[in-house]
């Protein structure tokens, strides 16, 4: 089942606040348009119209994406009349990074295994290297 705002709302009712925040952040980050919006906001705050410019979708669709990011706490909107300026808030991304970081011990074990495998001399490689060096000496 595809995640929708209705699914997210249902999940949030059953989750503790920290888990609900992670649900909203990962849902927001699951869309490439929303990730592109965050990347653009990493440089500077922008107007909604400026954010929408590079996308081949309607201004209304971009606004819906921005609202998902706002609900996740990743974007702040400041309105002055009809003008809406958006800025990045990295706090929720930090919370997601901390959650992901709990699993680095599993990645590290794989990296350690890979490093050990690469450090082992291969008999075929060693023999081929010796033959090559003898050829070069002649």
Protein backbone atom coordinates (compact mmCIF):
# COMPACT_ATOMS: atom_id res chain seq x y z
CA UNK A 1 0.00 0.00 0.00
CA UNK A 2 1.34 3.42 -0.95
CA UNK A 3 1.89 5.85 1.88
CA UNK A 4 -0.55 8.72 1.93
CA UNK A 5 -1.24 11.50 4.37
CA UNK A 6 -4.14 9.39 5.66
CA UNK A 7 -1.75 6.47 6.35
CA UNK A 8 0.65 8.78 8.14
CA UNK A 9 -2.13 10.22 10.31
CA UNK A 10 -3.21 6.70 11.25
CA UNK A 11 0.34 5.72 12.15
CA UNK A 12 0.79 8.83 14.28
CA UNK A 13 -2.19 8.06 16.49
CA UNK A 14 -0.57 4.80 17.59
CA UNK A 15 3.04 5.97 17.87
CA UNK A 16 4.86 7.91 20.53
CA UNK A 17 5.84 11.47 19.56
CA UNK A 18 9.43 10.58 18.62
CA UNK A 19 8.25 7.71 16.42
CA UNK A 20 5.59 9.93 14.86
CA UNK A 21 8.26 12.51 14.00
CA UNK A 22 10.39 9.83 12.34
CA UNK A 23 7.34 8.60 10.39
CA UNK A 24 6.69 12.11 9.06
CA UNK A 25 10.36 12.73 8.23
CA UNK A 26 10.88 9.45 6.38
CA UNK A 27 7.57 9.89 4.55
CA UNK A 28 8.62 13.41 3.52
CA UNK A 29 12.04 12.20 2.38
CA UNK A 30 10.54 9.35 0.36
CA UNK A 31 9.65 11.61 -2.56
CA UNK A 32 12.31 12.88 -5.02
CA UNK A 33 10.54 16.23 -5.52
CA UNK A 34 10.55 16.87 -1.78
CA UNK A 35 14.23 15.92 -1.53
CA UNK A 36 14.98 18.32 -4.40
CA UNK A 37 13.07 21.08 -2.58
CA UNK A 38 15.16 20.47 0.55
CA UNK A 39 18.36 20.56 -1.52
CA UNK A 40 17.36 23.93 -2.97
CA UNK A 41 16.53 25.27 0.50
CA UNK A 42 19.95 24.18 1.75
CA UNK A 43 21.44 27.11 -0.14
CA UNK A 44 19.04 29.85 1.02
CA UNK A 45 15.41 30.52 1.95
CA UNK A 46 13.22 30.81 -1.15
CA UNK A 47 9.75 31.92 -2.13
CA UNK A 48 7.33 29.14 -3.06
CA UNK A 49 7.31 30.43 -6.65
CA UNK A 50 11.13 30.23 -6.72
CA UNK A 51 11.00 26.68 -5.36
CA UNK A 52 8.47 25.67 -8.01
CA UNK A 53 10.37 27.14 -10.98
CA UNK A 54 12.54 24.12 -11.93
CA UNK A 55 9.78 21.53 -11.56
CA UNK A 56 7.53 20.43 -14.38
CA UNK A 57 4.52 20.30 -12.07
CA UNK A 58 1.91 22.85 -11.05
CA UNK A 59 2.46 25.44 -8.35
CA UNK A 60 -0.36 23.77 -6.42
CA UNK A 61 1.47 20.40 -6.54
CA UNK A 62 4.66 22.03 -5.28
CA UNK A 63 2.66 23.67 -2.49
CA UNK A 64 1.32 20.26 -1.45
CA UNK A 65 4.87 18.90 -1.32
CA UNK A 66 5.92 21.88 0.79
CA UNK A 67 3.06 21.23 3.21
CA UNK A 68 4.26 17.64 3.69
CA UNK A 69 7.72 19.03 4.49
CA UNK A 70 6.20 21.59 6.88
CA UNK A 71 4.23 18.86 8.72
CA UNK A 72 7.47 16.87 9.04
CA UNK A 73 9.16 19.93 10.55
CA UNK A 74 11.72 20.04 7.74
CA UNK A 75 10.55 23.36 6.30
CA UNK A 76 9.37 26.56 7.95
CA UNK A 77 7.06 28.91 6.10
CA UNK A 78 6.87 32.63 6.84
CA UNK A 79 3.93 34.38 5.23
CA UNK A 80 3.72 38.07 4.45
CA UNK A 81 0.37 38.66 2.81
CA UNK A 82 0.25 36.39 -0.22
CA UNK A 83 4.01 35.83 -0.26
CA UNK A 84 5.34 32.70 1.40
CA UNK A 85 9.06 32.26 2.08
CA UNK A 86 10.35 28.79 2.94
CA UNK A 87 13.47 27.88 4.89
CA UNK A 88 15.12 24.61 5.86
CA UNK A 89 14.99 23.24 9.41
CA UNK A 90 17.53 20.44 9.84
CA UNK A 91 16.47 19.41 13.35
CA UNK A 92 14.22 16.55 12.21
CA UNK A 93 16.90 15.36 9.77
CA UNK A 94 19.28 15.14 12.71
CA UNK A 95 16.74 13.01 14.61
CA UNK A 96 16.47 10.67 11.60
CA UNK A 97 20.27 10.50 11.32
CA UNK A 98 20.56 9.56 15.00
CA UNK A 99 18.00 6.78 14.47
CA UNK A 100 19.85 5.47 11.40
CA UNK A 101 23.19 5.73 13.21
CA UNK A 102 22.05 3.05 15.67
CA UNK A 103 22.53 0.54 12.87
CA UNK A 104 26.05 1.50 11.84
CA UNK A 105 27.49 -1.37 13.84
CA UNK A 106 26.00 -3.71 11.25
CA UNK A 107 27.51 -1.73 8.38
CA UNK A 108 30.85 -1.52 10.17
CA UNK A 109 30.98 -5.31 10.53
CA UNK A 110 30.47 -5.61 6.76
CA UNK A 111 33.18 -3.03 6.07
CA UNK A 112 35.57 -4.85 8.43
CA UNK A 113 34.88 -8.14 6.64
CA UNK A 114 35.45 -6.50 3.25
CA UNK A 115 38.73 -4.94 4.43
CA UNK A 116 39.96 -8.28 5.78
CA UNK A 117 39.06 -9.99 2.51
CA UNK A 118 40.86 -7.37 0.46
CA UNK A 119 43.97 -7.58 2.64
CA UNK A 120 44.34 -11.35 2.15
CA UNK A 121 46.80 -12.12 -0.63
CA UNK A 122 45.24 -14.14 -3.40
CA UNK A 123 47.48 -17.05 -4.50
CA UNK A 124 46.60 -16.58 -8.16
CA UNK A 125 47.14 -12.85 -8.02
CA UNK A 126 50.46 -13.24 -6.26
CA UNK A 127 51.68 -15.83 -8.76
CA UNK A 128 50.51 -13.73 -11.71
CA UNK A 129 52.24 -10.69 -10.26
CA UNK A 130 55.48 -12.63 -9.90
CA UNK A 131 55.27 -13.86 -13.50
CA UNK A 132 54.58 -10.32 -14.70
CA UNK A 133 57.52 -8.88 -12.78
CA UNK A 134 59.83 -11.58 -14.19
CA UNK A 135 58.68 -10.70 -17.72
CA UNK A 136 59.35 -7.03 -17.08
CA UNK A 137 62.85 -7.81 -15.78
CA UNK A 138 63.81 -9.53 -19.06
